[in-house]
Amino acid sequence: MAKIIKVQCTGSGQHVNEIDLDSILGATVVLHGTPIDTGRPIPERIVRRCDVCSEGRVILTREMIEENLY
């Protein structure tokens, strides 16, 4: 099940964007047997364009992703 969080853009309208964490982080593959360190680290911050306006940016920090991930 996809986890969706709402984040405001930095534009003058402060539009609320719905961000799907699965699309941000990508698929996670789990292997059976000996653990292999192939996991990707969560980036420090992710910047996306606002879905509504052309001037705003949606900024996701690592802390925002981690607190909504679990």
PDB file of N, CA and C in Angstrom:
ATOM      1  N   MET A   1       0.835  -1.173   0.000  1.00  0.00           N
ATOM      2  CA  MET A   1       0.000   0.000   0.000  1.00  0.00           C
ATOM      3  C   MET A   1       0.885   1.243   0.000  1.00  0.00           C
ATOM      4  N   ALA A   2       0.564   2.180  -0.841  1.00  0.00           N
ATOM      5  CA  ALA A   2       1.366   3.385  -0.986  1.00  0.00           C
ATOM      6  C   ALA A   2       1.049   4.377   0.125  1.00  0.00           C
ATOM      7  N   LYS A   3       2.077   4.993   0.653  1.00  0.00           N
ATOM      8  CA  LYS A   3       1.932   6.024   1.668  1.00  0.00           C
ATOM      9  C   LYS A   3       1.982   7.368   0.974  1.00  0.00           C
ATOM     10  N   ILE A   4       0.958   8.193   1.174  1.00  0.00           N
ATOM     11  CA  ILE A   4       0.875   9.503   0.537  1.00  0.00           C
ATOM     12  C   ILE A   4       0.954  10.572   1.612  1.00  0.00           C
ATOM     13  N   ILE A   5       1.848  11.549   1.412  1.00  0.00           N
ATOM     14  CA  ILE A   5       1.955  12.664   2.347  1.00  0.00           C
ATOM     15  C   ILE A   5       1.616  13.949   1.610  1.00  0.00           C
ATOM     16  N   LYS A   6       1.180  14.950   2.361  1.00  0.00           N
ATOM     17  CA  LYS A   6       0.825  16.242   1.785  1.00  0.00           C
ATOM     18  C   LYS A   6       1.861  17.274   2.200  1.00  0.00           C
ATOM     19  N   VAL A   7       2.398  17.995   1.191  1.00  0.00           N
ATOM     20  CA  VAL A   7       3.447  18.984   1.421  1.00  0.00           C
ATOM     21  C   VAL A   7       3.088  20.250   0.656  1.00  0.00           C
ATOM     22  N   GLN A   8       3.287  21.411   1.296  1.00  0.00           N
ATOM     23  CA  GLN A   8       3.012  22.685   0.636  1.00  0.00           C
ATOM     24  C   GLN A   8       4.189  23.081  -0.253  1.00  0.00           C
ATOM     25  N   CYS A   9       3.866  23.785  -1.348  1.00  0.00           N
ATOM     26  CA  CYS A   9       4.922  24.271  -2.238  1.00  0.00           C
ATOM     27  C   CYS A   9       5.461  25.603  -1.711  1.00  0.00           C
ATOM     28  N   THR A  10       6.574  26.037  -2.273  1.00  0.00           N
ATOM     29  CA  THR A  10       7.215  27.276  -1.840  1.00  0.00           C
ATOM     30  C   THR A  10       6.718  28.489  -2.613  1.00  0.00           C
ATOM     31  N   GLY A  11       5.793  28.313  -3.542  1.00  0.00           N
ATOM     32  CA  GLY A  11       5.279  29.419  -4.343  1.00  0.00           C
ATOM     33  C   GLY A  11       4.366  30.332  -3.541  1.00  0.00           C
ATOM     34  N   SER A  12       3.915  31.398  -4.173  1.00  0.00           N
ATOM     35  CA  SER A  12       3.073  32.377  -3.484  1.00  0.00           C
ATOM     36  C   SER A  12       1.710  31.802  -3.102  1.00  0.00           C
ATOM     37  N   GLY A  13       1.237  30.802  -3.831  1.00  0.00           N
ATOM     38  CA  GLY A  13      -0.054  30.206  -3.529  1.00  0.00           C
ATOM     39  C   GLY A  13      -0.024  29.168  -2.422  1.00  0.00           C
ATOM     40  N   GLN A  14       1.177  28.676  -2.062  1.00  0.00           N
ATOM     41  CA  GLN A  14       1.331  27.659  -1.024  1.00  0.00           C
ATOM     42  C   GLN A  14       0.401  26.466  -1.266  1.00  0.00           C
ATOM     43  N   HIS A  15       0.397  25.955  -2.498  1.00  0.00           N
ATOM     44  CA  HIS A  15      -0.472  24.841  -2.866  1.00  0.00           C
ATOM     45  C   HIS A  15      -0.057  23.561  -2.158  1.00  0.00           C
ATOM     46  N   VAL A  16      -1.032  22.740  -1.809  1.00  0.00           N
ATOM     47  CA  VAL A  16      -0.764  21.470  -1.144  1.00  0.00           C
ATOM     48  C   VAL A  16      -0.640  20.387  -2.214  1.00  0.00           C
ATOM     49  N   ASN A  17       0.494  19.696  -2.216  1.00  0.00           N
ATOM     50  CA  ASN A  17       0.769  18.623  -3.170  1.00  0.00           C
ATOM     51  C   ASN A  17       0.743  17.295  -2.442  1.00  0.00           C
ATOM     52  N   GLU A  18       0.166  16.283  -3.088  1.00  0.00           N
ATOM     53  CA  GLU A  18       0.170  14.935  -2.537  1.00  0.00           C
ATOM     54  C   GLU A  18       1.333  14.178  -3.157  1.00  0.00           C
ATOM     55  N   ILE A  19       2.230  13.687  -2.307  1.00  0.00           N
ATOM     56  CA  ILE A  19       3.434  13.004  -2.754  1.00  0.00           C
ATOM     57  C   ILE A  19       3.345  11.538  -2.345  1.00  0.00           C
ATOM     58  N   ASP A  20       3.523  10.651  -3.303  1.00  0.00           N
ATOM     59  CA  ASP A  20       3.514   9.213  -3.060  1.00  0.00           C
ATOM     60  C   ASP A  20       4.938   8.775  -2.731  1.00  0.00           C
ATOM     61  N   LEU A  21       5.152   8.270  -1.523  1.00  0.00           N
ATOM     62  CA  LEU A  21       6.495   7.876  -1.105  1.00  0.00           C
ATOM     63  C   LEU A  21       7.043   6.713  -1.914  1.00  0.00           C
ATOM     64  N   ASP A  22       6.180   5.832  -2.397  1.00  0.00           N
ATOM     65  CA  ASP A  22       6.652   4.716  -3.223  1.00  0.00           C
ATOM     66  C   ASP A  22       7.262   5.213  -4.528  1.00  0.00           C
ATOM     67  N   SER A  23       6.687   6.269  -5.106  1.00  0.00           N
ATOM     68  CA  SER A  23       7.244   6.803  -6.349  1.00  0.00           C
ATOM     69  C   SER A  23       8.559   7.535  -6.101  1.00  0.00           C
ATOM     70  N   ILE A  24       8.729   8.083  -4.909  1.00  0.00           N
ATOM     71  CA  ILE A  24       9.963   8.794  -4.564  1.00  0.00           C
ATOM     72  C   ILE A  24      11.103   7.802  -4.315  1.00  0.00           C
ATOM     73  N   LEU A  25      10.819   6.780  -3.517  1.00  0.00           N
ATOM     74  CA  LEU A  25      11.878   5.868  -3.079  1.00  0.00           C
ATOM     75  C   LEU A  25      12.106   4.694  -4.011  1.00  0.00           C
ATOM     76  N   GLY A  26      11.108   4.334  -4.801  1.00  0.00           N
ATOM     77  CA  GLY A  26      11.244   3.200  -5.700  1.00  0.00           C
ATOM     78  C   GLY A  26      10.947   1.893  -4.994  1.00  0.00           C
ATOM     79  N   ALA A  27      11.021   0.826  -5.722  1.00  0.00           N
ATOM     80  CA  ALA A  27      10.701  -0.502  -5.183  1.00  0.00           C
ATOM     81  C   ALA A  27      11.830  -1.016  -4.298  1.00  0.00           C
ATOM     82  N   THR A  28      11.463  -1.793  -3.296  1.00  0.00           N
ATOM     83  CA  THR A  28      12.427  -2.425  -2.411  1.00  0.00           C
ATOM     84  C   THR A  28      12.399  -3.932  -2.663  1.00  0.00           C
ATOM     85  N   VAL A  29      13.545  -4.483  -2.947  1.00  0.00           N
ATOM     86  CA  VAL A  29      13.645  -5.913  -3.218  1.00  0.00           C
ATOM     87  C   VAL A  29      14.184  -6.599  -1.975  1.00  0.00           C
ATOM     88  N   VAL A  30      13.492  -7.647  -1.544  1.00  0.00           N
ATOM     89  CA  VAL A  30      13.919  -8.421  -0.377  1.00  0.00           C
ATOM     90  C   VAL A  30      14.350  -9.791  -0.847  1.00  0.00           C
ATOM     91  N   LEU A  31      15.573 -10.181  -0.484  1.00  0.00           N
ATOM     92  CA  LEU A  31      16.116 -11.477  -0.861  1.00  0.00           C
ATOM     93  C   LEU A  31      16.162 -12.377   0.364  1.00  0.00           C
ATOM     94  N   HIS A  32      15.929 -13.653   0.171  1.00  0.00           N
ATOM     95  CA  HIS A  32      16.024 -14.619   1.260  1.00  0.00           C
ATOM     96  C   HIS A  32      17.447 -15.154   1.331  1.00  0.00           C
ATOM     97  N   GLY A  33      17.910 -15.379   2.526  1.00  0.00           N
ATOM     98  CA  GLY A  33      19.254 -15.920   2.695  1.00  0.00           C
ATOM     99  C   GLY A  33      20.150 -14.923   3.388  1.00  0.00           C
ATOM    100  N   THR A  34      21.408 -14.879   2.991  1.00  0.00           N
ATOM    101  CA  THR A  34      22.385 -13.991   3.598  1.00  0.00           C
ATOM    102  C   THR A  34      22.066 -12.534   3.256  1.00  0.00           C
ATOM    103  N   PRO A  35      22.046 -11.661   4.267  1.00  0.00           N
ATOM    104  CA  PRO A  35      21.766 -10.246   3.977  1.00  0.00           C
ATOM    105  C   PRO A  35      22.843  -9.635   3.086  1.00  0.00           C
ATOM    106  N   ILE A  36      22.411  -8.848   2.136  1.00  0.00           N
ATOM    107  CA  ILE A  36      23.323  -8.160   1.222  1.00  0.00           C
ATOM    108  C   ILE A  36      23.059  -6.663   1.361  1.00  0.00           C
ATOM    109  N   ASP A  37      24.105  -5.885   1.511  1.00  0.00           N
ATOM    110  CA  ASP A  37      23.953  -4.437   1.686  1.00  0.00           C
ATOM    111  C   ASP A  37      23.801  -3.767   0.327  1.00  0.00           C
ATOM    112  N   THR A  38      22.600  -3.840  -0.235  1.00  0.00           N
ATOM    113  CA  THR A  38      22.356  -3.218  -1.536  1.00  0.00           C
ATOM    114  C   THR A  38      21.317  -2.108  -1.432  1.00  0.00           C
ATOM    115  N   GLY A  39      20.886  -1.786  -0.223  1.00  0.00           N
ATOM    116  CA  GLY A  39      19.866  -0.759  -0.054  1.00  0.00           C
ATOM    117  C   GLY A  39      20.367   0.616  -0.448  1.00  0.00           C
ATOM    118  N   ARG A  40      19.458   1.402  -0.992  1.00  0.00           N
ATOM    119  CA  ARG A  40      19.811   2.761  -1.353  1.00  0.00           C
ATOM    120  C   ARG A  40      19.535   3.679  -0.170  1.00  0.00           C
ATOM    121  N   PRO A  41      20.432   4.596   0.132  1.00  0.00           N
ATOM    122  CA  PRO A  41      20.183   5.522   1.231  1.00  0.00           C
ATOM    123  C   PRO A  41      19.104   6.538   0.835  1.00  0.00           C
ATOM    124  N   ILE A  42      18.397   7.028   1.826  1.00  0.00           N
ATOM    125  CA  ILE A  42      17.393   8.069   1.572  1.00  0.00           C
ATOM    126  C   ILE A  42      18.149   9.377   1.341  1.00  0.00           C
ATOM    127  N   PRO A  43      17.845  10.101   0.259  1.00  0.00           N
ATOM    128  CA  PRO A  43      18.569  11.346  -0.014  1.00  0.00           C
ATOM    129  C   PRO A  43      18.304  12.406   1.057  1.00  0.00           C
ATOM    130  N   GLU A  44      19.237  13.344   1.213  1.00  0.00           N
ATOM    131  CA  GLU A  44      19.110  14.412   2.206  1.00  0.00           C
ATOM    132  C   GLU A  44      17.867  15.259   1.942  1.00  0.00           C
ATOM    133  N   ARG A  45      17.637  15.586   0.663  1.00  0.00           N
ATOM    134  CA  ARG A  45      16.399  16.292   0.308  1.00  0.00           C
ATOM    135  C   ARG A  45      16.067  16.051  -1.150  1.00  0.00           C
ATOM    136  N   ILE A  46      14.773  16.092  -1.434  1.00  0.00           N
ATOM    137  CA  ILE A  46      14.270  15.904  -2.790  1.00  0.00           C
ATOM    138  C   ILE A  46      13.449  17.135  -3.138  1.00  0.00           C
ATOM    139  N   VAL A  47      13.708  17.718  -4.301  1.00  0.00           N
ATOM    140  CA  VAL A  47      12.976  18.903  -4.745  1.00  0.00           C
ATOM    141  C   VAL A  47      12.217  18.542  -6.014  1.00  0.00           C
ATOM    142  N   ARG A  48      10.900  18.778  -5.985  1.00  0.00           N
ATOM    143  CA  ARG A  48      10.037  18.523  -7.146  1.00  0.00           C
ATOM    144  C   ARG A  48       9.289  19.787  -7.494  1.00  0.00           C
ATOM    145  N   ARG A  49       8.788  19.849  -8.701  1.00  0.00           N
ATOM    146  CA  ARG A  49       7.961  20.979  -9.115  1.00  0.00           C
ATOM    147  C   ARG A  49       6.565  20.848  -8.541  1.00  0.00           C
ATOM    148  N   CYS A  50       5.933  21.982  -8.309  1.00  0.00           N
ATOM    149  CA  CYS A  50       4.557  21.997  -7.818  1.00  0.00           C
ATOM    150  C   CYS A  50       3.634  21.487  -8.918  1.00  0.00           C
ATOM    151  N   ASP A  51       2.621  20.702  -8.522  1.00  0.00           N
ATOM    152  CA  ASP A  51       1.664  20.168  -9.490  1.00  0.00           C
ATOM    153  C   ASP A  51       0.698  21.230  -9.994  1.00  0.00           C
ATOM    154  N   VAL A  52       0.540  22.334  -9.250  1.00  0.00           N
ATOM    155  CA  VAL A  52      -0.464  23.343  -9.577  1.00  0.00           C
ATOM    156  C   VAL A  52       0.143  24.564 -10.266  1.00  0.00           C
ATOM    157  N   CYS A  53       1.214  25.116  -9.681  1.00  0.00           N
ATOM    158  CA  CYS A  53       1.788  26.348 -10.235  1.00  0.00           C
ATOM    159  C   CYS A  53       3.154  26.083 -10.859  1.00  0.00           C
ATOM    160  N   SER A  54       3.656  27.056 -11.601  1.00  0.00           N
ATOM    161  CA  SER A  54       4.948  26.885 -12.265  1.00  0.00           C
ATOM    162  C   SER A  54       6.103  27.474 -11.460  1.00  0.00           C
ATOM    163  N   GLU A  55       5.802  28.285 -10.455  1.00  0.00           N
ATOM    164  CA  GLU A  55       6.868  28.942  -9.704  1.00  0.00           C
ATOM    165  C   GLU A  55       7.281  28.192  -8.444  1.00  0.00           C
ATOM    166  N   GLY A  56       6.388  27.399  -7.892  1.00  0.00           N
ATOM    167  CA  GLY A  56       6.653  26.744  -6.617  1.00  0.00           C
ATOM    168  C   GLY A  56       7.414  25.438  -6.747  1.00  0.00           C
ATOM    169  N   ARG A  57       8.110  25.096  -5.681  1.00  0.00           N
ATOM    170  CA  ARG A  57       8.819  23.829  -5.578  1.00  0.00           C
ATOM    171  C   ARG A  57       8.347  23.123  -4.310  1.00  0.00           C
ATOM    172  N   VAL A  58       8.310  21.812  -4.365  1.00  0.00           N
ATOM    173  CA  VAL A  58       7.948  20.999  -3.213  1.00  0.00           C
ATOM    174  C   VAL A  58       9.233  20.378  -2.696  1.00  0.00           C
ATOM    175  N   ILE A  59       9.576  20.664  -1.442  1.00  0.00           N
ATOM    176  CA  ILE A  59      10.830  20.198  -0.861  1.00  0.00           C
ATOM    177  C   ILE A  59      10.524  19.146   0.197  1.00  0.00           C
ATOM    178  N   LEU A  60      11.080  17.961  -0.012  1.00  0.00           N
ATOM    179  CA  LEU A  60      10.951  16.865   0.949  1.00  0.00           C
ATOM    180  C   LEU A  60      12.316  16.636   1.576  1.00  0.00           C
ATOM    181  N   THR A  61      12.385  16.639   2.889  1.00  0.00           N
ATOM    182  CA  THR A  61      13.642  16.367   3.572  1.00  0.00           C
ATOM    183  C   THR A  61      13.678  14.901   4.017  1.00  0.00           C
ATOM    184  N   ARG A  62      14.860  14.436   4.355  1.00  0.00           N
ATOM    185  CA  ARG A  62      15.021  13.061   4.823  1.00  0.00           C
ATOM    186  C   ARG A  62      14.180  12.816   6.078  1.00  0.00           C
ATOM    187  N   GLU A  63      14.121  13.800   6.968  1.00  0.00           N
ATOM    188  CA  GLU A  63      13.352  13.655   8.201  1.00  0.00           C
ATOM    189  C   GLU A  63      11.862  13.491   7.906  1.00  0.00           C
ATOM    190  N   MET A  64      11.345  14.242   6.933  1.00  0.00           N
ATOM    191  CA  MET A  64       9.929  14.132   6.554  1.00  0.00           C
ATOM    192  C   MET A  64       9.631  12.739   6.018  1.00  0.00           C
ATOM    193  N   ILE A  65      10.538  12.216   5.204  1.00  0.00           N
ATOM    194  CA  ILE A  65      10.332  10.888   4.622  1.00  0.00           C
ATOM    195  C   ILE A  65      10.408   9.815   5.697  1.00  0.00           C
ATOM    196  N   GLU A  66      11.397   9.907   6.589  1.00  0.00           N
ATOM    197  CA  GLU A  66      11.560   8.889   7.626  1.00  0.00           C
ATOM    198  C   GLU A  66      10.406   8.860   8.606  1.00  0.00           C
ATOM    199  N   GLU A  67       9.862  10.007   8.987  1.00  0.00           N
ATOM    200  CA  GLU A  67       8.764  10.000   9.955  1.00  0.00           C
ATOM    201  C   GLU A  67       7.463   9.508   9.350  1.00  0.00           C
ATOM    202  N   ASN A  68       7.323   9.551   8.039  1.00  0.00           N
ATOM    203  CA  ASN A  68       6.118   9.067   7.384  1.00  0.00           C
ATOM    204  C   ASN A  68       6.293   7.701   6.742  1.00  0.00           C
ATOM    205  N   LEU A  69       7.490   7.173   6.788  1.00  0.00           N
ATOM    206  CA  LEU A  69       7.769   5.908   6.124  1.00  0.00           C
ATOM    207  C   LEU A  69       7.250   4.716   6.908  1.00  0.00           C
ATOM    208  N   TYR A  70       7.319   4.767   8.209  1.00  0.00           N
ATOM    209  CA  TYR A  70       6.957   3.609   9.027  1.00  0.00           C
ATOM    210  C   TYR A  70       5.658   3.795   9.749  1.00  0.00           C
TER     211      TYR A  70
END
